N, C-alpha and C. Protein backbone atom coordinates (compact mmCIF):
# COMPACT_ATOMS: atom_id res chain seq x y z
N MET A 1 127.48 114.15 -95.24
CA MET A 1 127.69 115.09 -96.32
C MET A 1 128.63 114.45 -97.35
N LEU A 2 128.31 114.61 -98.60
CA LEU A 2 129.07 114.03 -99.70
C LEU A 2 130.08 115.04 -100.21
N ASN A 3 131.35 114.66 -100.19
CA ASN A 3 132.40 115.52 -100.73
C ASN A 3 132.59 115.20 -102.21
N VAL A 4 132.47 116.18 -103.05
CA VAL A 4 132.62 116.00 -104.49
C VAL A 4 133.92 116.64 -104.91
N LEU A 5 134.76 115.86 -105.57
CA LEU A 5 136.03 116.35 -106.06
C LEU A 5 135.81 116.95 -107.45
N THR A 6 136.13 118.21 -107.61
CA THR A 6 135.98 118.87 -108.90
C THR A 6 137.36 119.10 -109.48
N CYS A 7 137.61 118.52 -110.62
CA CYS A 7 138.89 118.69 -111.31
C CYS A 7 138.65 119.52 -112.56
N ILE A 8 139.51 120.48 -112.78
CA ILE A 8 139.37 121.34 -113.95
C ILE A 8 140.71 121.35 -114.68
N LEU A 9 140.66 121.14 -115.99
CA LEU A 9 141.84 121.17 -116.84
C LEU A 9 141.57 122.13 -117.98
N ASP A 10 142.37 123.15 -118.11
CA ASP A 10 142.21 124.17 -119.16
C ASP A 10 140.82 124.79 -119.13
N GLY A 11 140.26 124.95 -117.95
CA GLY A 11 138.96 125.59 -117.82
C GLY A 11 137.78 124.67 -118.07
N HIS A 12 138.03 123.39 -118.38
CA HIS A 12 136.95 122.43 -118.63
C HIS A 12 136.92 121.41 -117.49
N PRO A 13 135.73 121.10 -116.98
CA PRO A 13 135.65 120.11 -115.89
C PRO A 13 135.95 118.70 -116.41
N LEU A 14 136.66 117.93 -115.62
CA LEU A 14 136.94 116.54 -115.95
C LEU A 14 135.88 115.66 -115.30
N SER A 15 135.42 114.67 -116.03
CA SER A 15 134.44 113.76 -115.45
C SER A 15 135.18 112.64 -114.72
N LEU A 16 134.69 112.28 -113.56
CA LEU A 16 135.27 111.23 -112.76
C LEU A 16 134.60 109.92 -113.16
N VAL A 17 135.39 108.92 -113.53
CA VAL A 17 134.87 107.64 -114.02
C VAL A 17 135.38 106.50 -113.16
N THR A 18 134.73 105.36 -113.27
CA THR A 18 135.15 104.18 -112.52
C THR A 18 136.02 103.25 -113.36
N GLU A 19 136.09 103.49 -114.67
CA GLU A 19 136.85 102.63 -115.56
C GLU A 19 137.33 103.44 -116.75
N ILE A 20 138.56 103.16 -117.18
CA ILE A 20 139.11 103.85 -118.34
C ILE A 20 139.86 102.84 -119.20
N ARG A 21 139.82 103.05 -120.50
CA ARG A 21 140.54 102.18 -121.42
C ARG A 21 141.81 102.90 -121.86
N TYR A 22 142.94 102.24 -121.67
CA TYR A 22 144.22 102.80 -122.07
C TYR A 22 145.04 101.69 -122.73
N LEU A 23 145.36 101.88 -124.00
CA LEU A 23 146.12 100.91 -124.79
C LEU A 23 145.47 99.53 -124.77
N GLY A 24 144.15 99.49 -124.83
CA GLY A 24 143.42 98.23 -124.89
C GLY A 24 143.18 97.57 -123.54
N VAL A 25 143.68 98.16 -122.46
CA VAL A 25 143.50 97.61 -121.12
C VAL A 25 142.50 98.47 -120.38
N HIS A 26 141.51 97.84 -119.78
CA HIS A 26 140.51 98.57 -119.01
C HIS A 26 140.96 98.62 -117.55
N ILE A 27 141.32 99.81 -117.10
CA ILE A 27 141.82 100.02 -115.75
C ILE A 27 140.65 100.46 -114.88
N LEU A 28 140.50 99.78 -113.74
CA LEU A 28 139.39 100.05 -112.83
C LEU A 28 139.82 100.96 -111.70
N ARG A 29 138.87 101.75 -111.20
CA ARG A 29 139.14 102.60 -110.04
C ARG A 29 139.23 101.71 -108.81
N SER A 30 140.32 101.86 -108.06
CA SER A 30 140.54 101.05 -106.88
C SER A 30 141.68 101.64 -106.07
N ARG A 31 141.82 101.19 -104.85
CA ARG A 31 142.95 101.63 -104.02
C ARG A 31 144.26 101.03 -104.52
N SER A 32 144.19 99.85 -105.10
CA SER A 32 145.36 99.21 -105.70
C SER A 32 145.08 99.01 -107.19
N PHE A 33 146.11 98.66 -107.94
CA PHE A 33 145.95 98.51 -109.39
C PHE A 33 145.06 97.32 -109.70
N ARG A 34 144.02 97.57 -110.51
CA ARG A 34 143.11 96.52 -110.97
C ARG A 34 142.78 96.78 -112.43
N CYS A 35 142.65 95.72 -113.18
CA CYS A 35 142.20 95.86 -114.56
C CYS A 35 141.14 94.80 -114.83
N SER A 36 140.31 95.07 -115.82
CA SER A 36 139.19 94.21 -116.15
C SER A 36 139.52 93.40 -117.39
N LEU A 37 139.23 92.10 -117.34
CA LEU A 37 139.41 91.22 -118.50
C LEU A 37 138.09 90.95 -119.20
N LYS A 38 137.03 91.58 -118.74
CA LYS A 38 135.70 91.33 -119.28
C LYS A 38 135.64 91.58 -120.78
N TYR A 39 136.22 92.68 -121.24
CA TYR A 39 136.14 93.03 -122.65
C TYR A 39 137.04 92.15 -123.51
N ALA A 40 138.17 91.74 -122.98
CA ALA A 40 139.06 90.82 -123.70
C ALA A 40 138.39 89.46 -123.87
N LYS A 41 137.74 88.98 -122.81
CA LYS A 41 137.02 87.70 -122.90
C LYS A 41 135.88 87.79 -123.89
N ARG A 42 135.14 88.89 -123.84
CA ARG A 42 134.01 89.06 -124.76
C ARG A 42 134.48 89.06 -126.21
N SER A 43 135.57 89.75 -126.48
CA SER A 43 136.11 89.81 -127.83
C SER A 43 136.59 88.43 -128.29
N PHE A 44 137.27 87.70 -127.40
CA PHE A 44 137.76 86.37 -127.74
C PHE A 44 136.62 85.43 -128.07
N PHE A 45 135.62 85.35 -127.21
CA PHE A 45 134.52 84.43 -127.43
C PHE A 45 133.67 84.84 -128.63
N SER A 46 133.56 86.12 -128.89
CA SER A 46 132.85 86.57 -130.08
C SER A 46 133.57 86.10 -131.35
N THR A 47 134.90 86.20 -131.34
CA THR A 47 135.68 85.74 -132.48
C THR A 47 135.57 84.23 -132.67
N VAL A 48 135.67 83.49 -131.57
CA VAL A 48 135.57 82.03 -131.64
C VAL A 48 134.20 81.61 -132.16
N ASN A 49 133.15 82.25 -131.67
CA ASN A 49 131.80 81.91 -132.14
C ASN A 49 131.63 82.24 -133.62
N GLY A 50 132.24 83.33 -134.08
CA GLY A 50 132.18 83.67 -135.50
C GLY A 50 132.88 82.64 -136.35
N ILE A 51 134.05 82.19 -135.90
CA ILE A 51 134.78 81.15 -136.64
C ILE A 51 133.99 79.86 -136.66
N PHE A 52 133.48 79.45 -135.52
CA PHE A 52 132.68 78.22 -135.46
C PHE A 52 131.45 78.32 -136.35
N GLY A 53 130.77 79.44 -136.31
CA GLY A 53 129.54 79.59 -137.09
C GLY A 53 129.76 79.50 -138.59
N LYS A 54 130.91 80.00 -139.07
CA LYS A 54 131.16 80.00 -140.51
C LYS A 54 131.83 78.73 -141.00
N LEU A 55 132.63 78.07 -140.17
CA LEU A 55 133.44 76.95 -140.63
C LEU A 55 133.09 75.60 -140.05
N LEU A 56 132.12 75.52 -139.19
CA LEU A 56 131.85 74.27 -138.48
C LEU A 56 131.51 73.13 -139.43
N LYS A 57 130.74 73.39 -140.47
CA LYS A 57 130.33 72.33 -141.40
C LYS A 57 131.29 72.16 -142.57
N VAL A 58 132.20 73.12 -142.74
CA VAL A 58 133.09 73.09 -143.91
C VAL A 58 134.47 72.54 -143.57
N ALA A 59 135.05 73.00 -142.48
CA ALA A 59 136.43 72.66 -142.13
C ALA A 59 136.48 71.61 -141.03
N SER A 60 137.63 70.96 -140.92
CA SER A 60 137.81 69.97 -139.86
C SER A 60 138.06 70.67 -138.52
N GLU A 61 137.97 69.89 -137.45
CA GLU A 61 138.17 70.45 -136.12
C GLU A 61 139.58 70.98 -135.94
N VAL A 62 140.56 70.31 -136.56
CA VAL A 62 141.96 70.74 -136.43
C VAL A 62 142.15 72.11 -137.06
N VAL A 63 141.56 72.34 -138.21
CA VAL A 63 141.67 73.63 -138.89
C VAL A 63 141.02 74.73 -138.06
N ILE A 64 139.86 74.46 -137.51
CA ILE A 64 139.16 75.45 -136.70
C ILE A 64 139.97 75.79 -135.45
N LEU A 65 140.53 74.77 -134.78
CA LEU A 65 141.33 75.03 -133.58
C LEU A 65 142.61 75.80 -133.91
N GLU A 66 143.22 75.56 -135.06
CA GLU A 66 144.40 76.32 -135.46
C GLU A 66 144.04 77.79 -135.72
N LEU A 67 142.87 78.04 -136.32
CA LEU A 67 142.42 79.41 -136.54
C LEU A 67 142.18 80.12 -135.22
N VAL A 68 141.56 79.43 -134.27
CA VAL A 68 141.31 80.03 -132.95
C VAL A 68 142.65 80.29 -132.26
N LYS A 69 143.56 79.36 -132.35
CA LYS A 69 144.89 79.51 -131.73
C LYS A 69 145.64 80.68 -132.32
N SER A 70 145.54 80.89 -133.63
CA SER A 70 146.27 81.99 -134.27
C SER A 70 145.64 83.35 -133.94
N LYS A 71 144.33 83.38 -133.72
CA LYS A 71 143.67 84.63 -133.38
C LYS A 71 144.00 85.03 -131.97
């Protein structure tokens, strides 16, 4: 038999989730504290690819690496 936990706040049911974003950190449901870096990595690589795509033929490698470092 499956036990379902029903939480109600101000008469509205709360949905139970496996992940929540709080102050930019994705906190995962677990017995101990866990957070996900998946979204931070995705954002970083998306930014790096955007910089490379726009500046690869125009700027030197040093300039591109400084832009990535500053981001």
